[in-house]
Amino acid sequence: MDQIQNNHDVTLSDLAGMIKVGFDEVHAEMNEMKKGLASMDTRLEHMERGQEDIKLRLDNVAYRFEMVALEKRVEVLERRVGAGA
């Protein structure tokens, strides 16, 4: 049973070699996928940092409706003291 009969004789050693080649190819492909995933992780980290920066900036920005309300209050005060713009 050391040989499998088909179109030609294949020994267990031949079969083991073919299987090894297949596993080596899969291993190489997985390494490439890992590199791609690592690259994606790096890009996602950069995007997350960028989003955090945007959030910090927005936290320090007055909302538009607050600005409009403040402008109206200033206009009323300026009219009362006679100091129009």
PDB file of N, CA and C in Angstrom:
ATOM      1  N   MET A   1       0.828  -1.192   0.000  1.00  0.00           N
ATOM      2  CA  MET A   1       0.000   0.000   0.000  1.00  0.00           C
ATOM      3  C   MET A   1       0.870   1.253   0.000  1.00  0.00           C
ATOM      4  N   ASP A   2       2.122   1.096  -0.351  1.00  0.00           N
ATOM      5  CA  ASP A   2       3.019   2.235  -0.449  1.00  0.00           C
ATOM      6  C   ASP A   2       2.775   3.037  -1.711  1.00  0.00           C
ATOM      7  N   GLN A   3       1.976   2.529  -2.602  1.00  0.00           N
ATOM      8  CA  GLN A   3       1.747   3.221  -3.861  1.00  0.00           C
ATOM      9  C   GLN A   3       0.264   3.281  -4.160  1.00  0.00           C
ATOM     10  N   ILE A   4      -0.141   4.385  -4.802  1.00  0.00           N
ATOM     11  CA  ILE A   4      -1.523   4.539  -5.243  1.00  0.00           C
ATOM     12  C   ILE A   4      -1.516   4.369  -6.749  1.00  0.00           C
ATOM     13  N   GLN A   5      -2.342   3.471  -7.268  1.00  0.00           N
ATOM     14  CA  GLN A   5      -2.374   3.227  -8.707  1.00  0.00           C
ATOM     15  C   GLN A   5      -3.363   4.174  -9.361  1.00  0.00           C
ATOM     16  N   ASN A   6      -2.888   4.931 -10.320  1.00  0.00           N
ATOM     17  CA  ASN A   6      -3.729   5.810 -11.128  1.00  0.00           C
ATOM     18  C   ASN A   6      -3.120   5.805 -12.510  1.00  0.00           C
ATOM     19  N   ASN A   7      -3.048   6.954 -13.147  1.00  0.00           N
ATOM     20  CA  ASN A   7      -2.382   7.010 -14.441  1.00  0.00           C
ATOM     21  C   ASN A   7      -0.902   6.679 -14.314  1.00  0.00           C
ATOM     22  N   HIS A   8      -0.333   6.999 -13.157  1.00  0.00           N
ATOM     23  CA  HIS A   8       1.051   6.652 -12.874  1.00  0.00           C
ATOM     24  C   HIS A   8       1.184   6.431 -11.382  1.00  0.00           C
ATOM     25  N   ASP A   9       2.249   5.824 -10.986  1.00  0.00           N
ATOM     26  CA  ASP A   9       2.436   5.498  -9.570  1.00  0.00           C
ATOM     27  C   ASP A   9       2.821   6.741  -8.779  1.00  0.00           C
ATOM     28  N   VAL A  10       2.125   6.935  -7.665  1.00  0.00           N
ATOM     29  CA  VAL A  10       2.431   8.037  -6.762  1.00  0.00           C
ATOM     30  C   VAL A  10       2.702   7.415  -5.402  1.00  0.00           C
ATOM     31  N   THR A  11       3.885   7.660  -4.872  1.00  0.00           N
ATOM     32  CA  THR A  11       4.223   7.097  -3.566  1.00  0.00           C
ATOM     33  C   THR A  11       3.684   8.002  -2.475  1.00  0.00           C
ATOM     34  N   LEU A  12       3.642   7.461  -1.274  1.00  0.00           N
ATOM     35  CA  LEU A  12       3.229   8.282  -0.137  1.00  0.00           C
ATOM     36  C   LEU A  12       4.162   9.476   0.028  1.00  0.00           C
ATOM     37  N   SER A  13       5.424   9.284  -0.256  1.00  0.00           N
ATOM     38  CA  SER A  13       6.394  10.381  -0.179  1.00  0.00           C
ATOM     39  C   SER A  13       6.060  11.460  -1.201  1.00  0.00           C
ATOM     40  N   ASP A  14       5.670  11.049  -2.414  1.00  0.00           N
ATOM     41  CA  ASP A  14       5.260  12.017  -3.440  1.00  0.00           C
ATOM     42  C   ASP A  14       4.027  12.786  -2.977  1.00  0.00           C
ATOM     43  N   LEU A  15       3.077  12.051  -2.430  1.00  0.00           N
ATOM     44  CA  LEU A  15       1.837  12.660  -1.956  1.00  0.00           C
ATOM     45  C   LEU A  15       2.126  13.654  -0.829  1.00  0.00           C
ATOM     46  N   ALA A  16       3.006  13.256   0.083  1.00  0.00           N
ATOM     47  CA  ALA A  16       3.382  14.150   1.187  1.00  0.00           C
ATOM     48  C   ALA A  16       4.035  15.417   0.642  1.00  0.00           C
ATOM     49  N   GLY A  17       4.864  15.258  -0.379  1.00  0.00           N
ATOM     50  CA  GLY A  17       5.506  16.428  -0.988  1.00  0.00           C
ATOM     51  C   GLY A  17       4.496  17.356  -1.630  1.00  0.00           C
ATOM     52  N   MET A  18       3.496  16.783  -2.307  1.00  0.00           N
ATOM     53  CA  MET A  18       2.455  17.609  -2.937  1.00  0.00           C
ATOM     54  C   MET A  18       1.639  18.355  -1.887  1.00  0.00           C
ATOM     55  N   ILE A  19       1.333  17.656  -0.805  1.00  0.00           N
ATOM     56  CA  ILE A  19       0.567  18.286   0.273  1.00  0.00           C
ATOM     57  C   ILE A  19       1.373  19.419   0.891  1.00  0.00           C
ATOM     58  N   LYS A  20       2.679  19.188   1.098  1.00  0.00           N
ATOM     59  CA  LYS A  20       3.538  20.231   1.663  1.00  0.00           C
ATOM     60  C   LYS A  20       3.561  21.468   0.771  1.00  0.00           C
ATOM     61  N   VAL A  21       3.676  21.259  -0.532  1.00  0.00           N
ATOM     62  CA  VAL A  21       3.679  22.385  -1.479  1.00  0.00           C
ATOM     63  C   VAL A  21       2.373  23.167  -1.343  1.00  0.00           C
ATOM     64  N   GLY A  22       1.260  22.430  -1.251  1.00  0.00           N
ATOM     65  CA  GLY A  22      -0.037  23.094  -1.093  1.00  0.00           C
ATOM     66  C   GLY A  22      -0.107  23.904   0.187  1.00  0.00           C
ATOM     67  N   PHE A  23       0.348  23.312   1.301  1.00  0.00           N
ATOM     68  CA  PHE A  23       0.333  24.040   2.571  1.00  0.00           C
ATOM     69  C   PHE A  23       1.264  25.247   2.526  1.00  0.00           C
ATOM     70  N   ASP A  24       2.417  25.094   1.876  1.00  0.00           N
ATOM     71  CA  ASP A  24       3.348  26.227   1.750  1.00  0.00           C
ATOM     72  C   ASP A  24       2.703  27.376   0.980  1.00  0.00           C
ATOM     73  N   GLU A  25       1.953  27.053  -0.067  1.00  0.00           N
ATOM     74  CA  GLU A  25       1.275  28.090  -0.850  1.00  0.00           C
ATOM     75  C   GLU A  25       0.200  28.787  -0.003  1.00  0.00           C
ATOM     76  N   VAL A  26      -0.562  27.990   0.732  1.00  0.00           N
ATOM     77  CA  VAL A  26      -1.598  28.569   1.596  1.00  0.00           C
ATOM     78  C   VAL A  26      -0.947  29.453   2.657  1.00  0.00           C
ATOM     79  N   HIS A  27       0.155  28.985   3.216  1.00  0.00           N
ATOM     80  CA  HIS A  27       0.870  29.756   4.238  1.00  0.00           C
ATOM     81  C   HIS A  27       1.344  31.101   3.671  1.00  0.00           C
ATOM     82  N   ALA A  28       1.888  31.076   2.455  1.00  0.00           N
ATOM     83  CA  ALA A  28       2.355  32.319   1.817  1.00  0.00           C
ATOM     84  C   ALA A  28       1.185  33.271   1.580  1.00  0.00           C
ATOM     85  N   GLU A  29       0.067  32.729   1.120  1.00  0.00           N
ATOM     86  CA  GLU A  29      -1.107  33.577   0.892  1.00  0.00           C
ATOM     87  C   GLU A  29      -1.618  34.175   2.195  1.00  0.00           C
ATOM     88  N   MET A  30      -1.607  33.383   3.259  1.00  0.00           N
ATOM     89  CA  MET A  30      -2.060  33.893   4.561  1.00  0.00           C
ATOM     90  C   MET A  30      -1.138  35.000   5.061  1.00  0.00           C
ATOM     91  N   ASN A  31       0.162  34.858   4.832  1.00  0.00           N
ATOM     92  CA  ASN A  31       1.106  35.912   5.228  1.00  0.00           C
ATOM     93  C   ASN A  31       0.816  37.202   4.476  1.00  0.00           C
ATOM     94  N   GLU A  32       0.498  37.107   3.204  1.00  0.00           N
ATOM     95  CA  GLU A  32       0.145  38.293   2.418  1.00  0.00           C
ATOM     96  C   GLU A  32      -1.130  38.926   2.964  1.00  0.00           C
ATOM     97  N   MET A  33      -2.093  38.083   3.323  1.00  0.00           N
ATOM     98  CA  MET A  33      -3.343  38.604   3.892  1.00  0.00           C
ATOM     99  C   MET A  33      -3.070  39.306   5.219  1.00  0.00           C
ATOM    100  N   LYS A  34      -2.186  38.728   6.037  1.00  0.00           N
ATOM    101  CA  LYS A  34      -1.840  39.344   7.319  1.00  0.00           C
ATOM    102  C   LYS A  34      -1.213  40.719   7.108  1.00  0.00           C
ATOM    103  N   LYS A  35      -0.340  40.829   6.097  1.00  0.00           N
ATOM    104  CA  LYS A  35       0.279  42.120   5.791  1.00  0.00           C
ATOM    105  C   LYS A  35      -0.789  43.139   5.384  1.00  0.00           C
ATOM    106  N   GLY A  36      -1.730  42.689   4.561  1.00  0.00           N
ATOM    107  CA  GLY A  36      -2.812  43.578   4.145  1.00  0.00           C
ATOM    108  C   GLY A  36      -3.663  44.018   5.318  1.00  0.00           C
ATOM    109  N   LEU A  37      -3.956  43.089   6.228  1.00  0.00           N
ATOM    110  CA  LEU A  37      -4.759  43.429   7.405  1.00  0.00           C
ATOM    111  C   LEU A  37      -4.003  44.388   8.324  1.00  0.00           C
ATOM    112  N   ALA A  38      -2.706  44.184   8.466  1.00  0.00           N
ATOM    113  CA  ALA A  38      -1.900  45.087   9.294  1.00  0.00           C
ATOM    114  C   ALA A  38      -1.923  46.490   8.703  1.00  0.00           C
ATOM    115  N   SER A  39      -1.842  46.570   7.382  1.00  0.00           N
ATOM    116  CA  SER A  39      -1.905  47.865   6.709  1.00  0.00           C
ATOM    117  C   SER A  39      -3.263  48.520   6.937  1.00  0.00           C
ATOM    118  N   MET A  40      -4.321  47.729   6.858  1.00  0.00           N
ATOM    119  CA  MET A  40      -5.665  48.271   7.102  1.00  0.00           C
ATOM    120  C   MET A  40      -5.800  48.745   8.540  1.00  0.00           C
ATOM    121  N   ASP A  41      -5.235  47.988   9.492  1.00  0.00           N
ATOM    122  CA  ASP A  41      -5.278  48.393  10.894  1.00  0.00           C
ATOM    123  C   ASP A  41      -4.612  49.749  11.084  1.00  0.00           C
ATOM    124  N   THR A  42      -3.462  49.931  10.432  1.00  0.00           N
ATOM    125  CA  THR A  42      -2.737  51.199  10.540  1.00  0.00           C
ATOM    126  C   THR A  42      -3.586  52.340   9.990  1.00  0.00           C
ATOM    127  N   ARG A  43      -4.206  52.109   8.823  1.00  0.00           N
ATOM    128  CA  ARG A  43      -5.040  53.153   8.223  1.00  0.00           C
ATOM    129  C   ARG A  43      -6.251  53.463   9.097  1.00  0.00           C
ATOM    130  N   LEU A  44      -6.849  52.442   9.689  1.00  0.00           N
ATOM    131  CA  LEU A  44      -7.995  52.667  10.572  1.00  0.00           C
ATOM    132  C   LEU A  44      -7.594  53.462  11.809  1.00  0.00           C
ATOM    133  N   GLU A  45      -6.414  53.169  12.353  1.00  0.00           N
ATOM    134  CA  GLU A  45      -5.930  53.922  13.506  1.00  0.00           C
ATOM    135  C   GLU A  45      -5.754  55.392  13.150  1.00  0.00           C
ATOM    136  N   HIS A  46      -5.209  55.673  11.959  1.00  0.00           N
ATOM    137  CA  HIS A  46      -5.044  57.058  11.511  1.00  0.00           C
ATOM    138  C   HIS A  46      -6.413  57.730  11.367  1.00  0.00           C
ATOM    139  N   MET A  47      -7.373  57.020  10.814  1.00  0.00           N
ATOM    140  CA  MET A  47      -8.717  57.579  10.646  1.00  0.00           C
ATOM    141  C   MET A  47      -9.351  57.859  11.999  1.00  0.00           C
ATOM    142  N   GLU A  48      -9.184  56.944  12.952  1.00  0.00           N
ATOM    143  CA  GLU A  48      -9.751  57.144  14.281  1.00  0.00           C
ATOM    144  C   GLU A  48      -9.134  58.362  14.954  1.00  0.00           C
ATOM    145  N   ARG A  49      -7.811  58.518  14.808  1.00  0.00           N
ATOM    146  CA  ARG A  49      -7.162  59.695  15.391  1.00  0.00           C
ATOM    147  C   ARG A  49      -7.685  60.968  14.740  1.00  0.00           C
ATOM    148  N   GLY A  50      -7.881  60.918  13.426  1.00  0.00           N
ATOM    149  CA  GLY A  50      -8.428  62.078  12.722  1.00  0.00           C
ATOM    150  C   GLY A  50      -9.825  62.414  13.205  1.00  0.00           C
ATOM    151  N   GLN A  51     -10.638  61.402  13.425  1.00  0.00           N
ATOM    152  CA  GLN A  51     -11.995  61.637  13.928  1.00  0.00           C
ATOM    153  C   GLN A  51     -11.962  62.222  15.331  1.00  0.00           C
ATOM    154  N   GLU A  52     -11.045  61.735  16.153  1.00  0.00           N
ATOM    155  CA  GLU A  52     -10.921  62.284  17.504  1.00  0.00           C
ATOM    156  C   GLU A  52     -10.520  63.757  17.446  1.00  0.00           C
ATOM    157  N   ASP A  53      -9.605  64.093  16.538  1.00  0.00           N
ATOM    158  CA  ASP A  53      -9.195  65.493  16.375  1.00  0.00           C
ATOM    159  C   ASP A  53     -10.381  66.356  15.955  1.00  0.00           C
ATOM    160  N   ILE A  54     -11.180  65.846  15.020  1.00  0.00           N
ATOM    161  CA  ILE A  54     -12.364  66.584  14.568  1.00  0.00           C
ATOM    162  C   ILE A  54     -13.337  66.778  15.718  1.00  0.00           C
ATOM    163  N   LYS A  55     -13.568  65.729  16.495  1.00  0.00           N
ATOM    164  CA  LYS A  55     -14.492  65.829  17.635  1.00  0.00           C
ATOM    165  C   LYS A  55     -14.003  66.873  18.638  1.00  0.00           C
ATOM    166  N   LEU A  56     -12.691  66.871  18.909  1.00  0.00           N
ATOM    167  CA  LEU A  56     -12.145  67.857  19.850  1.00  0.00           C
ATOM    168  C   LEU A  56     -12.344  69.275  19.330  1.00  0.00           C
ATOM    169  N   ARG A  57     -12.143  69.473  18.039  1.00  0.00           N
ATOM    170  CA  ARG A  57     -12.333  70.802  17.458  1.00  0.00           C
ATOM    171  C   ARG A  57     -13.797  71.209  17.523  1.00  0.00           C
ATOM    172  N   LEU A  58     -14.680  70.276  17.229  1.00  0.00           N
ATOM    173  CA  LEU A  58     -16.108  70.595  17.255  1.00  0.00           C
ATOM    174  C   LEU A  58     -16.597  70.893  18.666  1.00  0.00           C
ATOM    175  N   ASP A  59     -15.997  70.258  19.656  1.00  0.00           N
ATOM    176  CA  ASP A  59     -16.380  70.535  21.041  1.00  0.00           C
ATOM    177  C   ASP A  59     -16.077  71.983  21.420  1.00  0.00           C
ATOM    178  N   ASN A  60     -15.088  72.576  20.756  1.00  0.00           N
ATOM    179  CA  ASN A  60     -14.701  73.948  21.067  1.00  0.00           C
ATOM    180  C   ASN A  60     -15.372  74.972  20.165  1.00  0.00           C
ATOM    181  N   VAL A  61     -16.261  74.535  19.291  1.00  0.00           N
ATOM    182  CA  VAL A  61     -16.941  75.431  18.366  1.00  0.00           C
ATOM    183  C   VAL A  61     -18.363  75.669  18.872  1.00  0.00           C
ATOM    184  N   ALA A  62     -18.755  76.936  18.916  1.00  0.00           N
ATOM    185  CA  ALA A  62     -20.124  77.249  19.335  1.00  0.00           C
ATOM    186  C   ALA A  62     -21.079  76.805  18.237  1.00  0.00           C
ATOM    187  N   TYR A  63     -22.194  76.299  18.653  1.00  0.00           N
ATOM    188  CA  TYR A  63     -23.195  75.883  17.680  1.00  0.00           C
ATOM    189  C   TYR A  63     -23.813  77.112  17.022  1.00  0.00           C
ATOM    190  N   ARG A  64     -24.225  76.952  15.770  1.00  0.00           N
ATOM    191  CA  ARG A  64     -24.762  78.061  14.979  1.00  0.00           C
ATOM    192  C   ARG A  64     -25.952  78.719  15.671  1.00  0.00           C
ATOM    193  N   PHE A  65     -26.876  77.930  16.207  1.00  0.00           N
ATOM    194  CA  PHE A  65     -28.055  78.529  16.841  1.00  0.00           C
ATOM    195  C   PHE A  65     -27.667  79.359  18.066  1.00  0.00           C
ATOM    196  N   GLU A  66     -26.593  78.962  18.753  1.00  0.00           N
ATOM    197  CA  GLU A  66     -26.128  79.765  19.887  1.00  0.00           C
ATOM    198  C   GLU A  66     -25.561  81.086  19.401  1.00  0.00           C
ATOM    199  N   MET A  67     -24.859  81.056  18.268  1.00  0.00           N
ATOM    200  CA  MET A  67     -24.296  82.283  17.706  1.00  0.00           C
ATOM    201  C   MET A  67     -25.405  83.243  17.278  1.00  0.00           C
ATOM    202  N   VAL A  68     -26.443  82.716  16.641  1.00  0.00           N
ATOM    203  CA  VAL A  68     -27.556  83.561  16.193  1.00  0.00           C
ATOM    204  C   VAL A  68     -28.233  84.205  17.401  1.00  0.00           C
ATOM    205  N   ALA A  69     -28.457  83.428  18.446  1.00  0.00           N
ATOM    206  CA  ALA A  69     -29.093  83.969  19.654  1.00  0.00           C
ATOM    207  C   ALA A  69     -28.222  85.052  20.279  1.00  0.00           C
ATOM    208  N   LEU A  70     -26.924  84.845  20.333  1.00  0.00           N
ATOM    209  CA  LEU A  70     -26.021  85.840  20.896  1.00  0.00           C
ATOM    210  C   LEU A  70     -25.981  87.110  20.047  1.00  0.00           C
ATOM    211  N   GLU A  71     -26.015  86.968  18.720  1.00  0.00           N
ATOM    212  CA  GLU A  71     -26.035  88.136  17.847  1.00  0.00           C
ATOM    213  C   GLU A  71     -27.279  88.984  18.096  1.00  0.00           C
ATOM    214  N   LYS A  72     -28.418  88.332  18.271  1.00  0.00           N
ATOM    215  CA  LYS A  72     -29.660  89.064  18.551  1.00  0.00           C
ATOM    216  C   LYS A  72     -29.570  89.797  19.877  1.00  0.00           C
ATOM    217  N   ARG A  73     -29.005  89.145  20.885  1.00  0.00           N
ATOM    218  CA  ARG A  73     -28.881  89.791  22.195  1.00  0.00           C
ATOM    219  C   ARG A  73     -27.950  90.993  22.122  1.00  0.00           C
ATOM    220  N   VAL A  74     -26.857  90.856  21.378  1.00  0.00           N
ATOM    221  CA  VAL A  74     -25.911  91.963  21.239  1.00  0.00           C
ATOM    222  C   VAL A  74     -26.572  93.124  20.502  1.00  0.00           C
ATOM    223  N   GLU A  75     -27.353  92.824  19.457  1.00  0.00           N
ATOM    224  CA  GLU A  75     -28.057  93.873  18.718  1.00  0.00           C
ATOM    225  C   GLU A  75     -29.000  94.642  19.645  1.00  0.00           C
ATOM    226  N   VAL A  76     -29.721  93.928  20.498  1.00  0.00           N
ATOM    227  CA  VAL A  76     -30.642  94.581  21.438  1.00  0.00           C
ATOM    228  C   VAL A  76     -29.861  95.472  22.390  1.00  0.00           C
ATOM    229  N   LEU A  77     -28.770  94.980  22.922  1.00  0.00           N
ATOM    230  CA  LEU A  77     -27.947  95.764  23.853  1.00  0.00           C
ATOM    231  C   LEU A  77     -27.366  96.999  23.163  1.00  0.00           C
ATOM    232  N   GLU A  78     -26.896  96.840  21.910  1.00  0.00           N
ATOM    233  CA  GLU A  78     -26.322  97.962  21.185  1.00  0.00           C
ATOM    234  C   GLU A  78     -27.380  99.033  20.925  1.00  0.00           C
ATOM    235  N   ARG A  79     -28.603  98.629  20.607  1.00  0.00           N
ATOM    236  CA  ARG A  79     -29.673  99.607  20.380  1.00  0.00           C
ATOM    237  C   ARG A  79     -29.994 100.365  21.671  1.00  0.00           C
ATOM    238  N   ARG A  80     -29.974  99.637  22.788  1.00  0.00           N
ATOM    239  CA  ARG A  80     -30.313 100.278  24.068  1.00  0.00           C
ATOM    240  C   ARG A  80     -29.257 101.305  24.492  1.00  0.00           C
ATOM    241  N   VAL A  81     -28.000 101.018  24.195  1.00  0.00           N
ATOM    242  CA  VAL A  81     -26.962 101.971  24.593  1.00  0.00           C
ATOM    243  C   VAL A  81     -26.623 102.951  23.482  1.00  0.00           C
ATOM    244  N   GLY A  82     -27.241 102.756  22.319  1.00  0.00           N
ATOM    245  CA  GLY A  82     -27.024 103.669  21.206  1.00  0.00           C
ATOM    246  C   GLY A  82     -25.707 103.456  20.489  1.00  0.00           C
ATOM    247  N   ALA A  83     -25.180 102.276  20.545  1.00  0.00           N
ATOM    248  CA  ALA A  83     -23.917 102.005  19.881  1.00  0.00           C
ATOM    249  C   ALA A  83     -24.129 100.991  18.778  1.00  0.00           C
ATOM    250  N   GLY A  84     -24.716 101.424  17.677  1.00  0.00           N
ATOM    251  CA  GLY A  84     -24.951 100.522  16.569  1.00  0.00           C
ATOM    252  C   GLY A  84     -23.691 100.254  15.779  1.00  0.00           C
ATOM    253  N   ALA A  85     -23.665  99.154  15.132  1.00  0.00           N
ATOM    254  CA  ALA A  85     -22.453  98.779  14.393  1.00  0.00           C
ATOM    255  C   ALA A  85     -22.402  99.442  13.038  1.00  0.00           C
TER     256      ALA A  85
END
